[in-house]
Amino acid sequence: MQVLNRMKSLPVVALGLLAFAVTAQESGNTILPSEIQWRPHALTPGLQNADLVGDISKPGPVVYRTKFPPNFMIQPHSHPEDRAHTVISGTWYVGWGTKFDEAKLKALPVGSFYIEPANVVHFVATKGDGAEIQITAIGPIGISRYVDPAHAPKK
């Protein structure tokens, strides 16, 4: 079932990437690493976000980056929309299931890409080098739903 769900996600993400490509061609937007404007993550202390394309609160393609500090973990949760992830720097660890299990973490080094289908419960972590992830999706981006609500970030 999980493989079938992932296969269903691919057309949605592909459509988003196509919409992004068309938008980029029309506007000619470029962003150099030195021009990226980082801000604290709105809900999760310790993380930083940078919006590259679109507005996560509005319909349409969005591309943003998130920096995870070293030795960071996010407990099992899901998102209401499909997301595509690319590891820009560091190593990011992801696992699937309703309980955080270090033995289930898969190391994703720089250049790795993966699809995170909507509503699939997963957990993530970094180790000594932290990680920077680029996320592509179709907005609006929903708030993460934690398996254990006590793990949800408190603002």
C-alpha atoms as a PDB file:
ATOM      1  CA  MET A   1       0.000   0.000   0.000  1.00  0.00           C
ATOM      2  CA  GLN A   2       2.802   2.429   0.880  1.00  0.00           C
ATOM      3  CA  VAL A   3       4.465   1.850  -2.523  1.00  0.00           C
ATOM      4  CA  LEU A   4       1.138   2.490  -4.272  1.00  0.00           C
ATOM      5  CA  ASN A   5       0.681   5.729  -2.316  1.00  0.00           C
ATOM      6  CA  ARG A   6       4.181   6.841  -3.285  1.00  0.00           C
ATOM      7  CA  MET A   7       3.466   6.109  -6.935  1.00  0.00           C
ATOM      8  CA  LYS A   8       0.318   8.261  -6.728  1.00  0.00           C
ATOM      9  CA  SER A   9       2.436  11.118  -5.351  1.00  0.00           C
ATOM     10  CA  LEU A  10       4.800  11.243  -8.291  1.00  0.00           C
ATOM     11  CA  PRO A  11       2.382  12.912 -10.764  1.00  0.00           C
ATOM     12  CA  VAL A  12       1.511  15.595  -8.199  1.00  0.00           C
ATOM     13  CA  VAL A  13       5.154  16.391  -7.503  1.00  0.00           C
ATOM     14  CA  ALA A  14       5.997  16.256 -11.227  1.00  0.00           C
ATOM     15  CA  LEU A  15       3.195  18.733 -11.923  1.00  0.00           C
ATOM     16  CA  GLY A  16       4.567  21.002  -9.212  1.00  0.00           C
ATOM     17  CA  LEU A  17       8.070  20.845 -10.656  1.00  0.00           C
ATOM     18  CA  LEU A  18       6.677  21.644 -14.115  1.00  0.00           C
ATOM     19  CA  ALA A  19       4.759  24.626 -12.736  1.00  0.00           C
ATOM     20  CA  PHE A  20       7.931  25.774 -11.005  1.00  0.00           C
ATOM     21  CA  ALA A  21       9.938  25.472 -14.234  1.00  0.00           C
ATOM     22  CA  VAL A  22       7.383  27.536 -16.155  1.00  0.00           C
ATOM     23  CA  THR A  23       7.311  30.187 -13.427  1.00  0.00           C
ATOM     24  CA  ALA A  24      11.116  30.376 -13.329  1.00  0.00           C
ATOM     25  CA  GLN A  25      11.354  30.714 -17.127  1.00  0.00           C
ATOM     26  CA  GLU A  26       8.808  33.531 -17.226  1.00  0.00           C
ATOM     27  CA  SER A  27      10.369  35.529 -14.419  1.00  0.00           C
ATOM     28  CA  GLY A  28      14.046  34.672 -14.860  1.00  0.00           C
ATOM     29  CA  ASN A  29      14.498  34.436 -11.088  1.00  0.00           C
ATOM     30  CA  THR A  30      17.897  33.442  -9.795  1.00  0.00           C
ATOM     31  CA  ILE A  31      19.003  33.197  -6.193  1.00  0.00           C
ATOM     32  CA  LEU A  32      22.644  32.897  -5.233  1.00  0.00           C
ATOM     33  CA  PRO A  33      23.529  31.187  -1.936  1.00  0.00           C
ATOM     34  CA  SER A  34      24.634  34.547  -0.518  1.00  0.00           C
ATOM     35  CA  GLU A  35      21.204  36.026  -1.335  1.00  0.00           C
ATOM     36  CA  ILE A  36      19.166  33.431   0.557  1.00  0.00           C
ATOM     37  CA  GLN A  37      17.353  35.072   3.451  1.00  0.00           C
ATOM     38  CA  TRP A  38      17.115  32.727   6.427  1.00  0.00           C
ATOM     39  CA  ARG A  39      14.580  33.176   9.222  1.00  0.00           C
ATOM     40  CA  PRO A  40      13.670  31.121  12.280  1.00  0.00           C
ATOM     41  CA  HIS A  41      11.177  28.345  11.529  1.00  0.00           C
ATOM     42  CA  ALA A  42       7.704  29.530  12.537  1.00  0.00           C
ATOM     43  CA  LEU A  43       6.890  26.477  14.675  1.00  0.00           C
ATOM     44  CA  THR A  44      10.026  24.454  15.398  1.00  0.00           C
ATOM     45  CA  PRO A  45      12.739  26.104  17.512  1.00  0.00           C
ATOM     46  CA  GLY A  46      16.253  25.406  16.221  1.00  0.00           C
ATOM     47  CA  LEU A  47      15.282  25.201  12.551  1.00  0.00           C
ATOM     48  CA  GLN A  48      15.709  27.913   9.934  1.00  0.00           C
ATOM     49  CA  ASN A  49      13.671  28.366   6.749  1.00  0.00           C
ATOM     50  CA  ALA A  50      14.248  30.287   3.523  1.00  0.00           C
ATOM     51  CA  ASP A  51      11.514  30.792   0.927  1.00  0.00           C
ATOM     52  CA  LEU A  52      12.782  30.480  -2.643  1.00  0.00           C
ATOM     53  CA  VAL A  53       9.608  30.302  -4.764  1.00  0.00           C
ATOM     54  CA  GLY A  54       5.976  30.932  -3.917  1.00  0.00           C
ATOM     55  CA  ASP A  55       4.208  31.482  -0.638  1.00  0.00           C
ATOM     56  CA  ILE A  56       3.627  28.433   1.577  1.00  0.00           C
ATOM     57  CA  SER A  57       0.288  29.881   2.727  1.00  0.00           C
ATOM     58  CA  LYS A  58      -1.127  30.224  -0.825  1.00  0.00           C
ATOM     59  CA  PRO A  59      -2.071  27.811  -3.621  1.00  0.00           C
ATOM     60  CA  GLY A  60       0.665  27.093  -6.152  1.00  0.00           C
ATOM     61  CA  PRO A  61       4.182  25.726  -6.412  1.00  0.00           C
ATOM     62  CA  VAL A  62       6.521  26.399  -3.494  1.00  0.00           C
ATOM     63  CA  VAL A  63      10.208  25.738  -3.008  1.00  0.00           C
ATOM     64  CA  TYR A  64      11.874  26.423   0.304  1.00  0.00           C
ATOM     65  CA  ARG A  65      14.878  25.287   2.295  1.00  0.00           C
ATOM     66  CA  THR A  66      15.159  24.201   5.886  1.00  0.00           C
ATOM     67  CA  LYS A  67      18.375  24.048   7.919  1.00  0.00           C
ATOM     68  CA  PHE A  68      18.536  21.407  10.620  1.00  0.00           C
ATOM     69  CA  PRO A  69      21.217  21.860  13.301  1.00  0.00           C
ATOM     70  CA  PRO A  70      23.529  19.006  14.366  1.00  0.00           C
ATOM     71  CA  ASN A  71      22.060  16.269  16.584  1.00  0.00           C
ATOM     72  CA  PHE A  72      18.449  17.280  15.985  1.00  0.00           C
ATOM     73  CA  MET A  73      15.393  15.033  15.846  1.00  0.00           C
ATOM     74  CA  ILE A  74      11.754  15.419  14.902  1.00  0.00           C
ATOM     75  CA  GLN A  75       9.375  12.829  16.288  1.00  0.00           C
ATOM     76  CA  PRO A  76       6.904  10.867  14.089  1.00  0.00           C
ATOM     77  CA  HIS A  77       4.547  13.123  12.166  1.00  0.00           C
ATOM     78  CA  SER A  78       2.910  13.548   8.775  1.00  0.00           C
ATOM     79  CA  HIS A  79       2.055  16.359   6.378  1.00  0.00           C
ATOM     80  CA  PRO A  80      -1.226  16.842   4.515  1.00  0.00           C
ATOM     81  CA  GLU A  81       0.494  17.344   1.136  1.00  0.00           C
ATOM     82  CA  ASP A  82       3.086  15.549  -0.993  1.00  0.00           C
ATOM     83  CA  ARG A  83       6.610  16.915  -0.677  1.00  0.00           C
ATOM     84  CA  ALA A  84       9.804  16.306  -2.631  1.00  0.00           C
ATOM     85  CA  HIS A  85      13.093  16.657  -0.733  1.00  0.00           C
ATOM     86  CA  THR A  86      16.653  17.192  -1.942  1.00  0.00           C
ATOM     87  CA  VAL A  87      19.597  17.170   0.468  1.00  0.00           C
ATOM     88  CA  ILE A  88      21.690  20.290  -0.189  1.00  0.00           C
ATOM     89  CA  SER A  89      24.291  19.840   2.564  1.00  0.00           C
ATOM     90  CA  GLY A  90      25.089  17.477   5.413  1.00  0.00           C
ATOM     91  CA  THR A  91      23.414  14.128   5.932  1.00  0.00           C
ATOM     92  CA  TRP A  92      19.722  13.882   6.716  1.00  0.00           C
ATOM     93  CA  TYR A  93      18.258  10.770   8.287  1.00  0.00           C
ATOM     94  CA  VAL A  94      14.665   9.726   7.671  1.00  0.00           C
ATOM     95  CA  GLY A  95      12.637   6.775   8.911  1.00  0.00           C
ATOM     96  CA  TRP A  96       9.013   5.700   8.624  1.00  0.00           C
ATOM     97  CA  GLY A  97       6.636   4.533  11.301  1.00  0.00           C
ATOM     98  CA  THR A  98       4.678   5.736  14.302  1.00  0.00           C
ATOM     99  CA  LYS A  99       7.575   5.406  16.781  1.00  0.00           C
ATOM    100  CA  PHE A 100      11.010   7.021  16.494  1.00  0.00           C
ATOM    101  CA  ASP A 101      13.437   4.168  15.922  1.00  0.00           C
ATOM    102  CA  GLU A 102      17.092   4.976  15.276  1.00  0.00           C
ATOM    103  CA  ALA A 103      17.563   1.550  13.660  1.00  0.00           C
ATOM    104  CA  LYS A 104      15.036   2.518  10.953  1.00  0.00           C
ATOM    105  CA  LEU A 105      16.807   5.749   9.982  1.00  0.00           C
ATOM    106  CA  LYS A 106      18.099   5.843   6.414  1.00  0.00           C
ATOM    107  CA  ALA A 107      21.078   8.152   5.780  1.00  0.00           C
ATOM    108  CA  LEU A 108      20.513  10.559   2.897  1.00  0.00           C
ATOM    109  CA  PRO A 109      23.816  12.240   1.910  1.00  0.00           C
ATOM    110  CA  VAL A 110      24.220  15.377  -0.205  1.00  0.00           C
ATOM    111  CA  GLY A 111      22.382  15.081  -3.512  1.00  0.00           C
ATOM    112  CA  SER A 112      19.825  12.571  -2.236  1.00  0.00           C
ATOM    113  CA  PHE A 113      16.219  13.003  -3.352  1.00  0.00           C
ATOM    114  CA  TYR A 114      13.071  11.450  -2.003  1.00  0.00           C
ATOM    115  CA  ILE A 115       9.311  11.829  -2.197  1.00  0.00           C
ATOM    116  CA  GLU A 116       7.330  12.156   0.992  1.00  0.00           C
ATOM    117  CA  PRO A 117       3.718  11.263   0.167  1.00  0.00           C
ATOM    118  CA  ALA A 118       0.899  13.073   1.949  1.00  0.00           C
ATOM    119  CA  ASN A 119      -0.131  11.601   5.301  1.00  0.00           C
ATOM    120  CA  VAL A 120       2.763   9.117   5.528  1.00  0.00           C
ATOM    121  CA  VAL A 121       4.111   9.084   9.092  1.00  0.00           C
ATOM    122  CA  HIS A 122       7.864   9.610   9.280  1.00  0.00           C
ATOM    123  CA  PHE A 123      10.577  10.920  11.597  1.00  0.00           C
ATOM    124  CA  VAL A 124      13.840  12.700  10.867  1.00  0.00           C
ATOM    125  CA  ALA A 125      17.166  13.369  12.517  1.00  0.00           C
ATOM    126  CA  THR A 126      20.588  14.836  11.951  1.00  0.00           C
ATOM    127  CA  LYS A 127      23.866  13.841  13.478  1.00  0.00           C
ATOM    128  CA  GLY A 128      27.099  15.804  13.912  1.00  0.00           C
ATOM    129  CA  ASP A 129      26.989  17.748  10.655  1.00  0.00           C
ATOM    130  CA  GLY A 130      23.358  18.924  10.546  1.00  0.00           C
ATOM    131  CA  ALA A 131      21.672  19.228   7.159  1.00  0.00           C
ATOM    132  CA  GLU A 132      20.102  21.637   4.709  1.00  0.00           C
ATOM    133  CA  ILE A 133      17.081  20.334   2.794  1.00  0.00           C
ATOM    134  CA  GLN A 134      15.256  21.816  -0.193  1.00  0.00           C
ATOM    135  CA  ILE A 135      11.533  21.063  -0.269  1.00  0.00           C
ATOM    136  CA  THR A 136       9.241  21.335  -3.287  1.00  0.00           C
ATOM    137  CA  ALA A 137       5.463  21.085  -2.948  1.00  0.00           C
ATOM    138  CA  ILE A 138       2.154  22.530  -4.011  1.00  0.00           C
ATOM    139  CA  GLY A 139       0.826  25.047  -1.495  1.00  0.00           C
ATOM    140  CA  PRO A 140      -0.716  25.833   0.740  1.00  0.00           C
ATOM    141  CA  ILE A 141       1.571  23.870   3.060  1.00  0.00           C
ATOM    142  CA  GLY A 142      -0.237  22.380   6.051  1.00  0.00           C
ATOM    143  CA  ILE A 143       0.910  22.073   9.623  1.00  0.00           C
ATOM    144  CA  SER A 144       2.584  18.805  10.636  1.00  0.00           C
ATOM    145  CA  ARG A 145       0.403  16.325  12.505  1.00  0.00           C
ATOM    146  CA  TYR A 146       2.327  14.527  15.249  1.00  0.00           C
ATOM    147  CA  VAL A 147       1.517  10.935  16.230  1.00  0.00           C
ATOM    148  CA  ASP A 148       1.899  12.004  19.861  1.00  0.00           C
ATOM    149  CA  PRO A 149       0.540  15.571  20.192  1.00  0.00           C
ATOM    150  CA  ALA A 150       2.924  16.108  23.120  1.00  0.00           C
ATOM    151  CA  HIS A 151       5.785  16.095  20.564  1.00  0.00           C
ATOM    152  CA  ALA A 152       4.312  18.941  18.522  1.00  0.00           C
ATOM    153  CA  PRO A 153       6.379  22.133  18.807  1.00  0.00           C
ATOM    154  CA  LYS A 154       4.990  24.724  21.183  1.00  0.00           C
ATOM    155  CA  LYS A 155       5.358  28.318  20.185  1.00  0.00           C
END
